[in-house]
C-alpha atoms as a PDB file:
ATOM      1  CA  MET A   1     -30.855  -5.229   0.486  1.00  0.00           C
ATOM      2  CA  LEU A   2     -28.212  -6.834  -1.741  1.00  0.00           C
ATOM      3  CA  LYS A   3     -27.418  -3.464  -3.254  1.00  0.00           C
ATOM      4  CA  GLY A   4     -26.860  -1.941   0.185  1.00  0.00           C
ATOM      5  CA  LEU A   5     -24.681  -4.870   1.270  1.00  0.00           C
ATOM      6  CA  SER A   6     -22.656  -4.592  -1.922  1.00  0.00           C
ATOM      7  CA  ARG A   7     -22.122  -0.882  -1.365  1.00  0.00           C
ATOM      8  CA  ARG A   8     -20.955  -1.401   2.232  1.00  0.00           C
ATOM      9  CA  LEU A   9     -18.633  -4.243   1.242  1.00  0.00           C
ATOM     10  CA  LEU A  10     -17.120  -2.141  -1.542  1.00  0.00           C
ATOM     11  CA  ALA A  11     -16.501   0.716   0.901  1.00  0.00           C
ATOM     12  CA  LEU A  12     -14.662  -1.591   3.321  1.00  0.00           C
ATOM     13  CA  LEU A  13     -12.556  -3.080   0.525  1.00  0.00           C
ATOM     14  CA  GLN A  14     -11.671   0.412  -0.670  1.00  0.00           C
ATOM     15  CA  LEU A  15     -10.769   1.493   2.855  1.00  0.00           C
ATOM     16  CA  THR A  16      -8.343  -1.415   3.254  1.00  0.00           C
ATOM     17  CA  ARG A  17      -7.147  -1.453  -0.416  1.00  0.00           C
ATOM     18  CA  MET A  18      -7.605  -5.216  -0.478  1.00  0.00           C
ATOM     19  CA  ALA A  19      -7.259  -5.398  -4.258  1.00  0.00           C
ATOM     20  CA  LEU A  20      -3.470  -5.234  -3.887  1.00  0.00           C
ATOM     21  CA  VAL A  21      -3.114  -7.465  -0.833  1.00  0.00           C
ATOM     22  CA  PHE A  22      -1.931 -10.260  -3.162  1.00  0.00           C
ATOM     23  CA  THR A  23       1.390  -8.415  -3.495  1.00  0.00           C
ATOM     24  CA  ALA A  24       1.966  -8.695   0.249  1.00  0.00           C
ATOM     25  CA  ILE A  25       0.885 -12.356   0.320  1.00  0.00           C
ATOM     26  CA  ALA A  26       3.279 -13.153  -2.545  1.00  0.00           C
ATOM     27  CA  ASP A  27       6.189 -11.502  -0.704  1.00  0.00           C
ATOM     28  CA  ALA A  28       5.556 -13.573   2.416  1.00  0.00           C
ATOM     29  CA  TYR A  29       4.985 -16.815   0.524  1.00  0.00           C
ATOM     30  CA  CYS A  30       8.254 -16.260  -1.315  1.00  0.00           C
ATOM     31  CA  THR A  31      10.300 -16.003   1.871  1.00  0.00           C
ATOM     32  CA  ALA A  32       8.395 -18.940   3.348  1.00  0.00           C
ATOM     33  CA  LEU A  33       9.515 -21.044   0.392  1.00  0.00           C
ATOM     34  CA  LEU A  34      13.066 -19.741   0.718  1.00  0.00           C
ATOM     35  CA  ARG A  35      12.956 -20.810   4.357  1.00  0.00           C
ATOM     36  CA  MET A  36      12.808 -24.373   3.093  1.00  0.00           C
ATOM     37  CA  VAL A  37      16.142 -23.833   1.347  1.00  0.00           C
ATOM     38  CA  VAL A  38      17.864 -22.183   4.316  1.00  0.00           C
ATOM     39  CA  PHE A  39      16.603 -24.377   7.143  1.00  0.00           C
ATOM     40  CA  GLY A  40      15.713 -27.561   5.279  1.00  0.00           C
ATOM     41  CA  ASP A  41      12.140 -27.191   6.497  1.00  0.00           C
ATOM     42  CA  LYS A  42      10.090 -29.833   4.686  1.00  0.00           C
ATOM     43  CA  GLU A  43       6.723 -28.757   6.104  1.00  0.00           C
ATOM     44  CA  VAL A  44       6.796 -25.173   4.891  1.00  0.00           C
ATOM     45  CA  LEU A  45       3.832 -25.834   2.594  1.00  0.00           C
ATOM     46  CA  ASP A  46       1.689 -27.092   5.462  1.00  0.00           C
ATOM     47  CA  ALA A  47      -1.803 -25.639   4.951  1.00  0.00           C
ATOM     48  CA  ARG A  48      -1.967 -24.233   8.477  1.00  0.00           C
ATOM     49  CA  ARG A  49       1.281 -22.339   7.966  1.00  0.00           C
ATOM     50  CA  MET A  50       0.177 -20.931   4.619  1.00  0.00           C
ATOM     51  CA  VAL A  51      -3.123 -19.724   6.073  1.00  0.00           C
ATOM     52  CA  ALA A  52      -1.312 -18.149   9.022  1.00  0.00           C
ATOM     53  CA  ILE A  53       1.140 -16.367   6.697  1.00  0.00           C
ATOM     54  CA  ALA A  54      -1.756 -15.065   4.588  1.00  0.00           C
ATOM     55  CA  ALA A  55      -3.505 -13.826   7.750  1.00  0.00           C
ATOM     56  CA  VAL A  56      -0.401 -11.855   8.737  1.00  0.00           C
ATOM     57  CA  SER A  57      -0.138 -10.301   5.268  1.00  0.00           C
ATOM     58  CA  VAL A  58      -3.828  -9.423   5.018  1.00  0.00           C
ATOM     59  CA  GLY A  59      -3.843  -8.010   8.537  1.00  0.00           C
ATOM     60  CA  LEU A  60      -0.751  -5.854   8.116  1.00  0.00           C
ATOM     61  CA  TYR A  61      -1.744  -4.574   4.684  1.00  0.00           C
ATOM     62  CA  GLY A  62      -5.313  -3.745   5.614  1.00  0.00           C
ATOM     63  CA  PHE A  63      -4.242  -2.203   8.928  1.00  0.00           C
ATOM     64  CA  GLY A  64      -1.782   0.103   7.219  1.00  0.00           C
ATOM     65  CA  MET A  65      -4.224   1.276   4.577  1.00  0.00           C
ATOM     66  CA  SER A  66      -7.170   1.826   6.916  1.00  0.00           C
ATOM     67  CA  LEU A  67      -5.022   3.666   9.475  1.00  0.00           C
ATOM     68  CA  ASN A  68      -3.703   5.859   6.661  1.00  0.00           C
ATOM     69  CA  ASP A  69      -7.237   6.891   5.691  1.00  0.00           C
ATOM     70  CA  ILE A  70      -8.145   7.532   9.321  1.00  0.00           C
ATOM     71  CA  ALA A  71      -5.142   9.824   9.717  1.00  0.00           C
ATOM     72  CA  ASP A  72      -5.893  11.636   6.427  1.00  0.00           C
ATOM     73  CA  ARG A  73      -9.665  11.965   6.801  1.00  0.00           C
ATOM     74  CA  LYS A  74      -9.686  15.748   7.306  1.00  0.00           C
ATOM     75  CA  ARG A  75      -7.381  16.417   4.382  1.00  0.00           C
ATOM     76  CA  ASP A  76      -9.360  14.007   2.193  1.00  0.00           C
ATOM     77  CA  LEU A  77     -12.499  16.079   2.773  1.00  0.00           C
ATOM     78  CA  GLN A  78     -10.923  18.692   0.525  1.00  0.00           C
ATOM     79  CA  ILE A  79      -8.925  16.717  -2.034  1.00  0.00           C
ATOM     80  CA  ALA A  80     -10.423  13.189  -2.069  1.00  0.00           C
ATOM     81  CA  SER A  81     -14.016  13.441  -0.874  1.00  0.00           C
ATOM     82  CA  HIS A  82     -14.945  10.257  -2.783  1.00  0.00           C
ATOM     83  CA  ARG A  83     -12.998   8.037  -0.365  1.00  0.00           C
ATOM     84  CA  PRO A  84     -14.940   5.891   2.121  1.00  0.00           C
ATOM     85  CA  LEU A  85     -14.364   8.045   5.226  1.00  0.00           C
ATOM     86  CA  PRO A  86     -14.912  11.611   3.909  1.00  0.00           C
ATOM     87  CA  SER A  87     -17.866  10.454   1.803  1.00  0.00           C
ATOM     88  CA  GLY A  88     -19.539   8.943   4.885  1.00  0.00           C
ATOM     89  CA  ARG A  89     -19.764   5.453   3.384  1.00  0.00           C
ATOM     90  CA  VAL A  90     -17.686   4.187   6.325  1.00  0.00           C
ATOM     91  CA  GLY A  91     -18.053   5.709   9.774  1.00  0.00           C
ATOM     92  CA  LEU A  92     -15.012   6.769  11.781  1.00  0.00           C
ATOM     93  CA  LEU A  93     -15.809   4.327  14.601  1.00  0.00           C
ATOM     94  CA  THR A  94     -16.175   1.503  12.086  1.00  0.00           C
ATOM     95  CA  ALA A  95     -12.856   2.411  10.487  1.00  0.00           C
ATOM     96  CA  HIS A  96     -11.103   2.333  13.865  1.00  0.00           C
ATOM     97  CA  LEU A  97     -12.690  -1.035  14.659  1.00  0.00           C
ATOM     98  CA  ILE A  98     -11.647  -2.492  11.287  1.00  0.00           C
ATOM     99  CA  SER A  99      -8.117  -1.197  11.754  1.00  0.00           C
ATOM    100  CA  ILE A 100      -7.790  -2.715  15.228  1.00  0.00           C
ATOM    101  CA  LEU A 101      -9.247  -6.057  14.139  1.00  0.00           C
ATOM    102  CA  LEU A 102      -6.802  -6.273  11.239  1.00  0.00           C
ATOM    103  CA  ALA A 103      -3.820  -5.571  13.523  1.00  0.00           C
ATOM    104  CA  VAL A 104      -5.058  -8.207  15.970  1.00  0.00           C
ATOM    105  CA  GLY A 105      -5.572 -10.611  13.073  1.00  0.00           C
ATOM    106  CA  ALA A 106      -1.983 -10.083  11.924  1.00  0.00           C
ATOM    107  CA  LEU A 107      -0.616 -10.755  15.411  1.00  0.00           C
ATOM    108  CA  THR A 108      -2.847 -13.806  15.793  1.00  0.00           C
ATOM    109  CA  GLY A 109      -1.593 -15.202  12.490  1.00  0.00           C
ATOM    110  CA  ALA A 110       1.986 -14.587  13.611  1.00  0.00           C
ATOM    111  CA  LEU A 111       1.337 -16.350  16.924  1.00  0.00           C
ATOM    112  CA  ILE A 112      -0.106 -19.395  15.148  1.00  0.00           C
ATOM    113  CA  TYR A 113       2.771 -19.492  12.678  1.00  0.00           C
ATOM    114  CA  SER A 114       5.349 -19.121  15.452  1.00  0.00           C
ATOM    115  CA  GLU A 115       3.765 -21.989  17.367  1.00  0.00           C
ATOM    116  CA  LEU A 116       3.845 -24.196  14.282  1.00  0.00           C
ATOM    117  CA  VAL A 117       7.499 -23.520  13.447  1.00  0.00           C
ATOM    118  CA  ARG A 118       8.680 -23.139  17.067  1.00  0.00           C
ATOM    119  CA  ASP A 119      10.196 -19.755  16.261  1.00  0.00           C
ATOM    120  CA  TRP A 120       8.842 -16.614  17.935  1.00  0.00           C
ATOM    121  CA  SER A 121      10.696 -14.179  15.702  1.00  0.00           C
ATOM    122  CA  ALA A 122       7.564 -14.006  13.512  1.00  0.00           C
ATOM    123  CA  VAL A 123       5.640 -12.358  16.361  1.00  0.00           C
ATOM    124  CA  VAL A 124       8.440  -9.872  17.016  1.00  0.00           C
ATOM    125  CA  LEU A 125       8.743  -8.951  13.339  1.00  0.00           C
ATOM    126  CA  THR A 126       4.970  -8.580  12.965  1.00  0.00           C
ATOM    127  CA  ALA A 127       4.770  -6.318  16.017  1.00  0.00           C
ATOM    128  CA  PHE A 128       7.706  -4.259  14.742  1.00  0.00           C
ATOM    129  CA  THR A 129       6.025  -3.923  11.333  1.00  0.00           C
ATOM    130  CA  ILE A 130       2.870  -2.646  13.048  1.00  0.00           C
ATOM    131  CA  LEU A 131       4.979  -0.025  14.820  1.00  0.00           C
ATOM    132  CA  LEU A 132       6.567   1.011  11.521  1.00  0.00           C
ATOM    133  CA  ILE A 133       3.105   1.345   9.953  1.00  0.00           C
ATOM    134  CA  CYS A 134       1.915   3.501  12.852  1.00  0.00           C
ATOM    135  CA  PHE A 135       5.000   5.695  12.572  1.00  0.00           C
ATOM    136  CA  TYR A 136       4.529   6.179   8.831  1.00  0.00           C
ATOM    137  CA  ASP A 137       0.777   6.853   8.913  1.00  0.00           C
ATOM    138  CA  LEU A 138       0.869   9.183  11.914  1.00  0.00           C
ATOM    139  CA  ALA A 139       4.180  10.989  11.408  1.00  0.00           C
ATOM    140  CA  GLY A 140       6.620   9.566   8.863  1.00  0.00           C
ATOM    141  CA  LYS A 141       4.775  10.541   5.693  1.00  0.00           C
ATOM    142  CA  TYR A 142       4.894  14.182   6.747  1.00  0.00           C
ATOM    143  CA  LEU A 143       8.689  13.932   6.986  1.00  0.00           C
ATOM    144  CA  VAL A 144       8.805  12.958   3.284  1.00  0.00           C
ATOM    145  CA  GLY A 145      12.261  11.400   2.893  1.00  0.00           C
ATOM    146  CA  LEU A 146      12.085   9.438   6.127  1.00  0.00           C
ATOM    147  CA  GLY A 147       8.548   8.400   5.268  1.00  0.00           C
ATOM    148  CA  LEU A 148       9.574   7.052   1.855  1.00  0.00           C
ATOM    149  CA  LEU A 149      12.341   5.065   3.517  1.00  0.00           C
ATOM    150  CA  THR A 150       9.854   3.736   6.080  1.00  0.00           C
ATOM    151  CA  LEU A 151       7.614   2.409   3.298  1.00  0.00           C
ATOM    152  CA  GLY A 152      10.503   0.263   2.095  1.00  0.00           C
ATOM    153  CA  LEU A 153      11.250  -0.915   5.628  1.00  0.00           C
ATOM    154  CA  ILE A 154       7.629  -2.000   6.085  1.00  0.00           C
ATOM    155  CA  ARG A 155       7.906  -4.297   3.061  1.00  0.00           C
ATOM    156  CA  PHE A 156      11.287  -5.519   4.299  1.00  0.00           C
ATOM    157  CA  THR A 157      10.191  -6.507   7.802  1.00  0.00           C
ATOM    158  CA  HIS A 158       6.894  -7.960   6.588  1.00  0.00           C
ATOM    159  CA  ALA A 159       8.708 -10.191   4.089  1.00  0.00           C
ATOM    160  CA  LEU A 160      10.993 -11.458   6.851  1.00  0.00           C
ATOM    161  CA  VAL A 161       8.116 -12.619   9.078  1.00  0.00           C
ATOM    162  CA  PRO A 162       8.020 -16.229   7.764  1.00  0.00           C
ATOM    163  CA  ALA A 163      11.766 -16.729   7.407  1.00  0.00           C
ATOM    164  CA  ARG A 164      13.923 -14.622   9.752  1.00  0.00           C
ATOM    165  CA  MET A 165      17.126 -12.824   8.816  1.00  0.00           C
ATOM    166  CA  PRO A 166      19.211 -15.336   6.808  1.00  0.00           C
ATOM    167  CA  VAL A 167      16.778 -15.068   3.891  1.00  0.00           C
ATOM    168  CA  VAL A 168      17.981 -11.573   3.110  1.00  0.00           C
ATOM    169  CA  TRP A 169      18.523 -10.938  -0.605  1.00  0.00           C
ATOM    170  CA  HIS A 170      14.863 -11.016  -1.527  1.00  0.00           C
ATOM    171  CA  PRO A 171      13.626  -8.667   1.279  1.00  0.00           C
ATOM    172  CA  LEU A 172      16.491  -6.262   0.536  1.00  0.00           C
ATOM    173  CA  LEU A 173      15.362  -5.982  -3.080  1.00  0.00           C
ATOM    174  CA  LEU A 174      11.804  -5.282  -1.913  1.00  0.00           C
ATOM    175  CA  LEU A 175      13.101  -2.594   0.457  1.00  0.00           C
ATOM    176  CA  ASN A 176      15.014  -0.764  -2.258  1.00  0.00           C
ATOM    177  CA  HIS A 177      12.323  -1.165  -4.915  1.00  0.00           C
ATOM    178  CA  VAL A 178       9.487   0.181  -2.760  1.00  0.00           C
ATOM    179  CA  ALA A 179      11.470   3.114  -1.363  1.00  0.00           C
ATOM    180  CA  ILE A 180      12.753   4.257  -4.776  1.00  0.00           C
ATOM    181  CA  LEU A 181       9.414   3.590  -6.482  1.00  0.00           C
ATOM    182  CA  SER A 182       7.585   5.627  -3.847  1.00  0.00           C
ATOM    183  CA  ALA A 183      10.033   8.509  -4.257  1.00  0.00           C
ATOM    184  CA  VAL A 184       9.639   8.536  -8.048  1.00  0.00           C
ATOM    185  CA  ALA A 185       5.838   8.366  -7.871  1.00  0.00           C
ATOM    186  CA  TYR A 186       5.834  11.122  -5.222  1.00  0.00           C
ATOM    187  CA  ARG A 187       7.911  13.338  -7.508  1.00  0.00           C
ATOM    188  CA  TRP A 188       5.868  12.674 -10.639  1.00  0.00           C
ATOM    189  CA  GLU A 189       2.576  13.251  -8.831  1.00  0.00           C
ATOM    190  CA  ASP A 190       3.969  16.538  -7.513  1.00  0.00           C
ATOM    191  CA  LYS A 191       2.835  15.849  -3.963  1.00  0.00           C
ATOM    192  CA  ARG A 192       3.266  18.287  -1.098  1.00  0.00           C
ATOM    193  CA  PRO A 193       5.534  19.060   0.602  1.00  0.00           C
ATOM    194  CA  PRO A 194       7.780  18.824  -2.481  1.00  0.00           C
ATOM    195  CA  LEU A 195      10.867  16.633  -2.558  1.00  0.00           C
ATOM    196  CA  THR A 196      14.080  18.500  -1.884  1.00  0.00           C
ATOM    197  CA  ARG A 197      17.733  17.551  -2.126  1.00  0.00           C
ATOM    198  CA  ILE A 198      17.823  16.551   1.533  1.00  0.00           C
ATOM    199  CA  HIS A 199      14.885  14.194   0.981  1.00  0.00           C
ATOM    200  CA  TYR A 200      16.702  12.498  -1.905  1.00  0.00           C
ATOM    201  CA  TRP A 201      19.801  12.160   0.268  1.00  0.00           C
ATOM    202  CA  THR A 202      17.727  10.746   3.109  1.00  0.00           C
ATOM    203  CA  VAL A 203      16.327   7.996   0.893  1.00  0.00           C
ATOM    204  CA  GLY A 204      19.583   7.225  -0.916  1.00  0.00           C
ATOM    205  CA  ALA A 205      21.857   7.313   2.122  1.00  0.00           C
ATOM    206  CA  GLY A 206      19.286   5.509   4.260  1.00  0.00           C
ATOM    207  CA  LEU A 207      19.035   2.646   1.770  1.00  0.00           C
ATOM    208  CA  ALA A 208      22.829   2.392   1.504  1.00  0.00           C
ATOM    209  CA  VAL A 209      23.260   2.247   5.288  1.00  0.00           C
ATOM    210  CA  ILE A 210      20.479  -0.314   5.774  1.00  0.00           C
ATOM    211  CA  ASP A 211      21.720  -2.520   2.936  1.00  0.00           C
ATOM    212  CA  LEU A 212      25.286  -2.492   4.227  1.00  0.00           C
ATOM    213  CA  ALA A 213      24.294  -3.032   7.858  1.00  0.00           C
ATOM    214  CA  VAL A 214      22.049  -5.994   7.066  1.00  0.00           C
ATOM    215  CA  ILE A 215      24.628  -7.666   4.828  1.00  0.00           C
ATOM    216  CA  ILE A 216      27.374  -7.257   7.459  1.00  0.00           C
ATOM    217  CA  MET A 217      25.101  -8.569  10.215  1.00  0.00           C
ATOM    218  CA  ILE A 218      24.125 -11.614   8.181  1.00  0.00           C
ATOM    219  CA  HIS A 219      27.736 -12.327   7.275  1.00  0.00           C
ATOM    220  CA  GLN A 220      28.907 -12.164  10.889  1.00  0.00           C
ATOM    221  CA  LYS A 221      26.042 -13.996  12.610  1.00  0.00           C
ATOM    222  CA  HIS A 222      24.922 -16.471   9.968  1.00  0.00           C
ATOM    223  CA  ARG A 223      27.992 -17.447   7.968  1.00  0.00           C
ATOM    224  CA  ALA A 224      26.836 -21.053   7.820  1.00  0.00           C
ATOM    225  CA  GLN A 225      23.313 -20.117   6.778  1.00  0.00           C
ATOM    226  CA  GLY A 226      21.627 -17.946   4.225  1.00  0.00           C
ATOM    227  CA  LEU A 227      20.971 -18.105   0.522  1.00  0.00           C
ATOM    228  CA  ASP A 228      24.154 -18.706  -1.429  1.00  0.00           C
ATOM    229  CA  VAL A 229      25.123 -16.224  -4.123  1.00  0.00           C
ATOM    230  CA  ARG A 230      24.539 -17.707  -7.567  1.00  0.00           C
ATOM    231  CA  PRO A 231      24.994 -16.400 -11.119  1.00  0.00           C
ATOM    232  CA  SER A 232      21.251 -16.867 -11.578  1.00  0.00           C
ATOM    233  CA  LEU A 233      20.712 -13.921  -9.209  1.00  0.00           C
ATOM    234  CA  LEU A 234      21.154 -11.883 -12.379  1.00  0.00           C
ATOM    235  CA  ILE A 235      17.539 -12.863 -13.134  1.00  0.00           C
ATOM    236  CA  PRO A 236      15.967 -10.529 -10.513  1.00  0.00           C
ATOM    237  CA  LEU A 237      18.519  -7.890 -11.579  1.00  0.00           C
ATOM    238  CA  GLY A 238      17.182  -8.289 -15.107  1.00  0.00           C
ATOM    239  CA  ALA A 239      13.662  -7.862 -13.738  1.00  0.00           C
ATOM    240  CA  VAL A 240      14.797  -4.564 -12.175  1.00  0.00           C
ATOM    241  CA  LEU A 241      16.095  -3.336 -15.528  1.00  0.00           C
ATOM    242  CA  VAL A 242      12.867  -4.357 -17.260  1.00  0.00           C
ATOM    243  CA  PHE A 243      10.872  -2.367 -14.725  1.00  0.00           C
ATOM    244  CA  VAL A 244      13.092   0.683 -15.222  1.00  0.00           C
ATOM    245  CA  ALA A 245      12.362   0.466 -18.946  1.00  0.00           C
ATOM    246  CA  LEU A 246       8.647   0.092 -18.179  1.00  0.00           C
ATOM    247  CA  ALA A 247       8.740   3.189 -15.956  1.00  0.00           C
ATOM    248  CA  TRP A 248      10.431   5.182 -18.716  1.00  0.00           C
ATOM    249  CA  TYR A 249       7.798   4.009 -21.211  1.00  0.00           C
ATOM    250  CA  VAL A 250       4.919   4.914 -18.857  1.00  0.00           C
ATOM    251  CA  ARG A 251       6.377   8.363 -18.258  1.00  0.00           C
ATOM    252  CA  ARG A 252       6.674   9.081 -21.968  1.00  0.00           C
ATOM    253  CA  ARG A 253       3.233   7.751 -22.871  1.00  0.00           C
ATOM    254  CA  SER A 254       1.272   9.361 -20.034  1.00  0.00           C
ATOM    255  CA  PRO A 255      -0.417  12.683 -20.796  1.00  0.00           C
ATOM    256  CA  THR A 256       0.608  14.167 -17.422  1.00  0.00           C
ATOM    257  CA  PRO A 257       3.327  13.427 -14.849  1.00  0.00           C
ATOM    258  CA  ARG A 258       0.619  12.923 -12.222  1.00  0.00           C
ATOM    259  CA  GLU A 259      -1.023  10.171 -14.241  1.00  0.00           C
ATOM    260  CA  ALA A 260       2.396   8.609 -14.866  1.00  0.00           C
ATOM    261  CA  GLY A 261       3.085   8.581 -11.120  1.00  0.00           C
ATOM    262  CA  GLN A 262      -0.208   6.892 -10.304  1.00  0.00           C
ATOM    263  CA  THR A 263       0.272   4.304 -13.039  1.00  0.00           C
ATOM    264  CA  ILE A 264       3.855   3.442 -12.169  1.00  0.00           C
ATOM    265  CA  MET A 265       2.955   3.088  -8.493  1.00  0.00           C
ATOM    266  CA  LEU A 266       0.359   0.460  -9.389  1.00  0.00           C
ATOM    267  CA  TYR A 267       2.688  -1.344 -11.789  1.00  0.00           C
ATOM    268  CA  GLY A 268       5.516  -1.153  -9.270  1.00  0.00           C
ATOM    269  CA  LEU A 269       3.509  -2.847  -6.555  1.00  0.00           C
ATOM    270  CA  LEU A 270       2.406  -5.566  -8.959  1.00  0.00           C
ATOM    271  CA  TRP A 271       6.036  -5.988 -10.039  1.00  0.00           C
ATOM    272  CA  LEU A 272       6.931  -7.150  -6.541  1.00  0.00           C
ATOM    273  CA  ILE A 273       5.300 -10.459  -7.445  1.00  0.00           C
ATOM    274  CA  VAL A 274       7.692 -10.753 -10.396  1.00  0.00           C
ATOM    275  CA  TYR A 275      10.653 -10.392  -8.015  1.00  0.00           C
ATOM    276  CA  ASP A 276       9.091 -13.008  -5.730  1.00  0.00           C
ATOM    277  CA  ALA A 277       8.758 -15.452  -8.618  1.00  0.00           C
ATOM    278  CA  CYS A 278      12.359 -14.792  -9.734  1.00  0.00           C
ATOM    279  CA  PHE A 279      13.786 -15.755  -6.348  1.00  0.00           C
ATOM    280  CA  VAL A 280      11.569 -18.800  -6.012  1.00  0.00           C
ATOM    281  CA  TYR A 281      12.645 -19.926  -9.489  1.00  0.00           C
ATOM    282  CA  ILE A 282      16.331 -19.609  -8.569  1.00  0.00           C
ATOM    283  CA  TYR A 283      16.143 -21.555  -5.326  1.00  0.00           C
ATOM    284  CA  LYS A 284      13.031 -23.759  -5.667  1.00  0.00           C
ATOM    285  CA  GLY A 285      12.429 -24.303  -9.372  1.00  0.00           C
ATOM    286  CA  TRP A 286      10.093 -23.235 -12.140  1.00  0.00           C
ATOM    287  CA  LEU A 287       6.908 -24.960 -10.903  1.00  0.00           C
ATOM    288  CA  ALA A 288       6.839 -23.157  -7.544  1.00  0.00           C
ATOM    289  CA  ALA A 289       7.702 -19.901  -9.313  1.00  0.00           C
ATOM    290  CA  ALA A 290       4.896 -20.342 -11.835  1.00  0.00           C
ATOM    291  CA  LEU A 291       2.355 -21.027  -9.086  1.00  0.00           C
ATOM    292  CA  LEU A 292       3.478 -17.917  -7.184  1.00  0.00           C
ATOM    293  CA  LEU A 293       3.356 -15.829 -10.347  1.00  0.00           C
ATOM    294  CA  LEU A 294      -0.368 -16.621 -10.633  1.00  0.00           C
ATOM    295  CA  LEU A 295      -0.886 -14.021  -7.898  1.00  0.00           C
ATOM    296  CA  PHE A 296       0.111 -11.347 -10.447  1.00  0.00           C
ATOM    297  CA  PRO A 297      -3.031 -11.699 -12.605  1.00  0.00           C
ATOM    298  CA  ALA A 298      -5.067 -12.226  -9.424  1.00  0.00           C
ATOM    299  CA  ALA A 299      -3.886  -8.843  -8.122  1.00  0.00           C
ATOM    300  CA  TYR A 300      -4.339  -7.111 -11.484  1.00  0.00           C
ATOM    301  CA  PHE A 301      -7.863  -8.386 -12.036  1.00  0.00           C
ATOM    302  CA  SER A 302      -8.765  -7.544  -8.426  1.00  0.00           C
ATOM    303  CA  VAL A 303      -7.799  -3.924  -9.121  1.00  0.00           C
ATOM    304  CA  GLN A 304      -9.847  -3.894 -12.308  1.00  0.00           C
ATOM    305  CA  LEU A 305     -12.798  -5.538 -10.543  1.00  0.00           C
ATOM    306  CA  MET A 306     -12.736  -2.884  -7.817  1.00  0.00           C
ATOM    307  CA  ARG A 307     -12.731  -0.132 -10.448  1.00  0.00           C
ATOM    308  CA  TRP A 308     -15.613  -1.732 -12.334  1.00  0.00           C
ATOM    309  CA  TRP A 309     -17.537  -2.309  -9.121  1.00  0.00           C
ATOM    310  CA  SER A 310     -17.033   1.319  -8.057  1.00  0.00           C
ATOM    311  CA  LYS A 311     -18.259   2.623 -11.419  1.00  0.00           C
ATOM    312  CA  LEU A 312     -21.271   0.322 -11.283  1.00  0.00           C
ATOM    313  CA  MET A 313     -22.212   1.567  -7.811  1.00  0.00           C
ATOM    314  CA  THR A 314     -21.855   5.163  -8.995  1.00  0.00           C
ATOM    315  CA  LEU A 315     -24.066   4.591 -12.027  1.00  0.00           C
ATOM    316  CA  SER A 316     -26.688   2.818  -9.917  1.00  0.00           C
ATOM    317  CA  GLN A 317     -27.143   5.823  -7.641  1.00  0.00           C
ATOM    318  CA  ARG A 318     -30.221   7.901  -8.174  1.00  0.00           C
ATOM    319  CA  PRO A 319     -29.469  11.233  -9.855  1.00  0.00           C
ATOM    320  CA  THR A 320     -29.916  14.297  -7.728  1.00  0.00           C
ATOM    321  CA  PHE A 321     -31.433  17.476  -9.056  1.00  0.00           C
ATOM    322  CA  GLN A 322     -31.178  20.992  -7.789  1.00  0.00           C
ATOM    323  CA  ARG A 323     -33.501  23.870  -8.574  1.00  0.00           C
ATOM    324  CA  VAL A 324     -31.841  26.559 -10.618  1.00  0.00           C
ATOM    325  CA  GLN A 325     -31.681  29.811  -8.719  1.00  0.00           C
ATOM    326  CA  THR A 326     -33.032  32.729 -10.738  1.00  0.00           C
END
């Protein structure tokens, strides 16, 4: 009984990719803490708010991953039959139900948070993020360049949920990091359809336009608000350079480009927590940054636990034998 329950739970966690949900939670907690700086909100660490923010992050992340597997189930039958849906470990109806419940959970968390802070922009941003996820999973990823840009926008809008537009520098970094990281991993893994010059231009020009538009909008509408520009903002820039060096090292040490792409995608998502901690350190101090940075090992060990758990379940299966045809 316990073995069967463990197998079903593992399948659901794999479907929703919950091992990396800590990266999304860290992004949202970071902007929630920055909200305190912008708006002078002294109750940002209220337990109810933190739980609501986590619910939004878990819901959006799990919704996006489960919907992605639902959309890809036919293709996965040929190239990734070990995944929960093509392997039959999770039924299609169950996957749809899980996906819907996670989306509803995200909206519910946003409603609770909005009620607590008396600001309904959280609901609007959460709903818009759900629409972006649907666009990417059902259409955007097949458009390659536009899909890669959409991945960055999903991180951007999700990070803004707790804090609205004035807290802009941190979400903009997440937008650019995720979009460029996804493009590099896509190229190294040699995915299909292949990246072309127009796809590179779509990502590069799209990021430039979004960055410029957001900065201009913030400057015009929120001149009296927002995070001030400080010399210490060179710290997250330094973190970017460190990650570039890490990517170069991974590429050189990996036996194949495909393996390098998979590895750097994992490291890149974990690195988002480093950016979160950098911004919290600049505007809130080292203690808050250190506490937020604890989500990095939590995410890493969750990934390793899922891998160990999956291997254990595989080894515990009874071997199957086939009669040799003579």
